[in-house]
Protein backbone atom coordinates (compact mmCIF):
# COMPACT_ATOMS: atom_id res chain seq x y z
CA MET A 1 51.76 82.48 82.05
CA ASN A 2 48.68 84.69 82.65
CA LEU A 3 48.71 88.39 83.48
CA GLY A 4 48.01 87.82 87.15
CA SER A 5 51.01 85.57 87.68
CA LEU A 6 53.21 87.99 85.74
CA ASP A 7 52.16 90.87 87.96
CA SER A 8 52.85 88.95 91.16
CA THR A 9 56.26 87.84 89.86
CA THR A 10 57.14 91.40 88.92
CA MET A 11 56.10 92.63 92.35
CA LEU A 12 58.24 89.97 94.00
CA ILE A 13 61.26 91.05 91.96
CA VAL A 14 60.65 94.72 92.83
CA LYS A 15 60.30 93.98 96.55
CA THR A 16 63.41 91.80 96.58
CA THR A 17 65.45 94.44 94.75
CA PHE A 18 64.23 97.14 97.12
CA PHE A 19 65.14 95.02 100.14
CA ILE A 20 68.67 94.40 98.83
CA LEU A 21 69.19 98.11 98.12
CA LEU A 22 67.94 98.96 101.60
CA LEU A 23 70.45 96.56 103.14
CA LEU A 24 73.25 98.12 101.12
CA LEU A 25 72.24 101.61 102.22
CA ILE A 26 72.21 100.79 105.91
CA GLN A 27 75.48 98.85 105.81
CA PRO A 28 78.25 100.57 107.77
CA ASN A 29 80.96 102.25 105.72
CA LYS A 30 83.85 100.05 104.73
CA GLN A 31 87.02 100.70 106.68
CA GLN A 32 89.54 102.81 104.77
CA ASN A 33 93.19 101.88 105.28
CA ILE A 34 95.82 104.60 105.05
CA LEU A 35 99.58 104.03 105.11
CA PHE A 36 101.85 106.92 106.06
CA PHE A 37 105.31 105.95 104.84
CA GLY A 38 108.13 108.20 105.94
CA ASP A 39 111.02 109.05 108.21
CA SER A 40 111.31 110.46 111.75
CA LEU A 41 108.67 113.10 111.05
CA THR A 42 106.02 110.45 110.41
CA ALA A 43 107.39 108.23 113.18
CA GLY A 44 107.02 111.07 115.70
CA TYR A 45 110.63 111.32 116.81
CA GLY A 46 110.94 112.17 120.50
CA LEU A 47 107.22 111.60 121.12
CA SER A 48 104.90 108.72 121.89
CA ALA A 49 103.17 107.01 118.96
CA GLU A 50 99.86 108.54 120.09
CA GLU A 51 101.31 112.07 119.81
CA ALA A 52 102.54 111.65 116.23
CA PHE A 53 100.38 113.22 113.53
CA PRO A 54 99.24 109.91 111.91
CA ALA A 55 97.60 108.81 115.17
CA LEU A 56 96.13 112.28 115.73
CA LEU A 57 94.74 112.30 112.20
CA GLU A 58 93.14 108.87 112.63
CA LYS A 59 91.42 110.06 115.78
CA GLU A 60 90.14 113.22 114.08
CA LEU A 61 88.86 111.41 110.98
CA ASN A 62 86.98 108.86 113.05
CA LYS A 63 85.26 111.66 114.97
CA ASP A 64 83.44 112.40 111.73
CA LYS A 65 81.98 108.86 111.67
CA GLN A 66 84.56 107.68 109.17
CA LYS A 67 86.00 104.20 109.54
CA VAL A 68 89.69 104.85 109.12
CA LYS A 69 92.72 102.82 110.11
CA ILE A 70 96.07 104.57 109.75
CA THR A 71 99.32 102.64 109.78
CA ASN A 72 102.39 104.60 110.83
CA GLY A 73 105.17 103.41 108.54
CA GLY A 74 107.68 106.00 109.71
CA SER A 75 111.26 105.11 110.57
CA SER A 76 113.73 107.59 112.06
CA GLY A 77 116.73 108.32 109.86
CA GLU A 78 115.11 106.72 106.82
CA THR A 79 116.40 107.67 103.38
CA SER A 80 114.65 107.10 100.08
CA ALA A 81 116.91 104.09 99.46
CA GLY A 82 116.04 102.64 102.88
CA GLY A 83 112.36 103.18 102.20
CA LEU A 84 112.60 101.37 98.90
CA SER A 85 114.19 98.38 100.60
CA ARG A 86 111.39 98.00 103.18
CA ILE A 87 108.21 99.07 101.36
CA ASP A 88 107.29 95.52 100.29
CA TRP A 89 106.97 94.46 103.92
CA LEU A 90 104.41 97.20 104.60
CA LEU A 91 102.38 96.38 101.50
CA ARG A 92 101.33 93.00 102.85
CA LYS A 93 98.13 94.58 104.19
CA PRO A 94 95.66 96.26 101.79
CA ILE A 95 95.72 100.05 101.60
CA ASP A 96 93.33 102.59 100.08
CA VAL A 97 95.47 105.70 100.50
CA PHE A 98 99.27 105.88 100.46
CA VAL A 99 101.04 108.97 101.82
CA LEU A 100 104.72 109.24 100.89
CA GLU A 101 106.82 111.41 103.22
CA LEU A 102 110.45 110.70 102.40
CA GLY A 103 113.53 112.42 101.05
CA ALA A 104 114.38 114.89 103.80
CA ASN A 105 117.31 112.81 105.05
CA ASP A 106 118.62 112.51 101.49
CA GLY A 107 118.53 116.28 101.24
CA LEU A 108 120.20 116.92 104.59
CA ARG A 109 123.02 114.60 103.52
CA GLY A 110 123.32 116.24 100.13
CA LEU A 111 122.69 112.99 98.26
CA PRO A 112 122.25 113.18 94.47
CA LEU A 113 118.67 114.18 93.76
CA ASN A 114 118.41 112.10 90.60
CA GLN A 115 118.87 109.02 92.76
CA THR A 116 116.41 110.27 95.39
CA ARG A 117 113.82 110.92 92.68
CA LYS A 118 114.44 107.48 91.21
CA ASN A 119 113.97 105.80 94.61
CA LEU A 120 110.76 107.69 95.38
CA GLN A 121 109.35 106.82 91.98
CA ALA A 122 110.25 103.17 92.49
CA ILE A 123 108.38 103.18 95.82
CA ILE A 124 105.30 104.66 94.14
CA ASP A 125 105.55 102.09 91.35
CA LYS A 126 105.62 99.22 93.85
CA VAL A 127 102.53 100.58 95.60
CA LYS A 128 100.63 100.99 92.31
CA ILE A 129 101.52 97.50 91.11
CA LYS A 130 100.36 95.94 94.37
CA TYR A 131 97.20 98.05 94.69
CA PRO A 132 96.21 99.59 91.31
CA GLU A 133 93.26 101.52 92.79
CA VAL A 134 95.27 103.14 95.59
CA LYS A 135 95.21 106.93 95.95
CA ILE A 136 98.66 108.47 96.27
CA VAL A 137 99.62 111.53 98.31
CA VAL A 138 103.09 113.08 98.01
CA ALA A 139 104.20 115.15 101.00
CA GLY A 140 106.59 117.92 99.99
CA MET A 141 109.63 118.92 102.00
CA MET A 142 112.37 121.54 101.88
CA VAL A 143 116.05 121.62 102.84
CA PRO A 144 117.99 124.49 104.47
CA PRO A 145 119.42 127.14 102.12
CA ASN A 146 122.97 126.24 103.14
CA MET A 147 122.71 123.30 100.75
CA GLY A 148 123.07 125.76 97.90
CA LYS A 149 120.44 127.55 95.80
CA GLN A 150 120.39 125.06 92.93
CA TYR A 151 120.13 122.03 95.21
CA THR A 152 117.41 123.53 97.40
CA GLU A 153 115.34 124.58 94.38
CA GLU A 154 115.66 121.19 92.70
CA PHE A 155 114.78 119.47 95.97
CA LYS A 156 111.68 121.62 96.48
CA ASN A 157 110.53 121.05 92.88
CA MET A 158 111.06 117.29 93.04
CA TYR A 159 107.82 116.72 94.98
CA PRO A 160 105.34 118.55 92.71
CA GLN A 161 107.04 116.88 89.74
CA LEU A 162 106.51 113.45 91.28
CA ALA A 163 102.90 114.30 92.13
CA THR A 164 102.17 115.47 88.59
CA LYS A 165 103.84 112.47 86.99
CA ASN A 166 101.85 110.04 89.12
CA LYS A 167 98.56 111.97 89.19
CA ALA A 168 98.95 112.14 92.94
CA VAL A 169 97.69 114.67 95.47
CA LEU A 170 100.41 117.06 96.63
CA ILE A 171 100.94 118.41 100.13
CA PRO A 172 103.22 121.32 99.13
CA PHE A 173 105.06 121.46 102.48
CA ILE A 174 104.11 119.11 105.28
CA LEU A 175 105.75 121.33 107.92
CA LYS A 176 103.66 124.36 107.00
CA ASP A 177 103.02 126.62 110.02
CA VAL A 178 105.50 124.53 112.05
CA ALA A 179 108.98 124.76 110.50
CA GLY A 180 111.16 127.50 111.99
CA ILE A 181 108.80 128.25 114.88
CA GLU A 182 110.81 127.67 118.04
CA ASN A 183 108.03 126.66 120.44
CA LEU A 184 106.64 124.13 117.93
CA ASN A 185 109.93 122.30 117.52
CA GLN A 186 112.10 120.24 119.80
CA ALA A 187 115.56 121.33 120.95
CA ASP A 188 117.16 120.17 117.70
CA GLY A 189 115.08 122.70 115.78
CA ILE A 190 114.09 120.03 113.26
CA HIS A 191 111.54 117.70 114.81
CA PRO A 192 108.13 119.08 115.82
CA THR A 193 106.82 118.97 119.36
CA ALA A 194 103.47 117.41 120.25
CA GLU A 195 101.84 120.79 119.51
CA GLY A 196 103.60 120.88 116.16
CA HIS A 197 102.21 117.47 115.27
CA LYS A 198 98.71 118.68 116.10
CA ILE A 199 99.11 121.45 113.53
CA ILE A 200 100.39 119.01 110.90
CA ALA A 201 97.41 116.71 111.50
CA LYS A 202 95.01 119.66 111.24
CA ASN A 203 96.62 120.91 108.01
CA ILE A 204 96.46 117.61 106.18
CA LYS A 205 93.06 116.45 107.44
CA SER A 206 91.10 118.17 104.68
CA ILE A 207 93.44 116.75 102.02
CA VAL A 208 93.10 113.17 103.21
CA GLU A 209 89.36 113.51 103.88
CA LYS A 210 88.66 114.19 100.21
CA LEU A 211 90.24 110.86 99.27
CA LEU A 212 88.05 108.72 101.55
């Protein structure tokens, strides 16, 4: 092979490589799939699906030219045990980010926290086994003080402990700026109004954005 043919071959390789890289650069972003797995808070109790914070968050993220699909895996009245029994069904579709919002109903019923912790960990384990590259978010909750000081403290600490153990991102309290504010909650004083869900979506947007 003479020098001339070598130069032309090299140029062809360079041009081809450049063309491939250019195609990759102009390709649209891959869609990111997020699963919010929780109870009535995630489900948007008393509201339409479009008013619940997962739908609001999807809309906000896609405004920023993201390609995000959020699945609302919330179920009213769900406990950690109930969540563990149905998580496999929701893992049939690929996910990139998994947000766990469960345990509040366990706490309100005064269920043993060691069992709640065990159930939540088992849910996380199932997600990791199915999708090893998934990014985990743990949404913290609190229970009323009438459950007793020791129980409420252990409940509050359960979420950061789970996040640390699983190298997950922690939302310290998902009802921040909403809980206890009368006009942001429905008549039961527990479930947020549509305005309350807007605040939740706004608060967690920056957390989820960093994972995409």
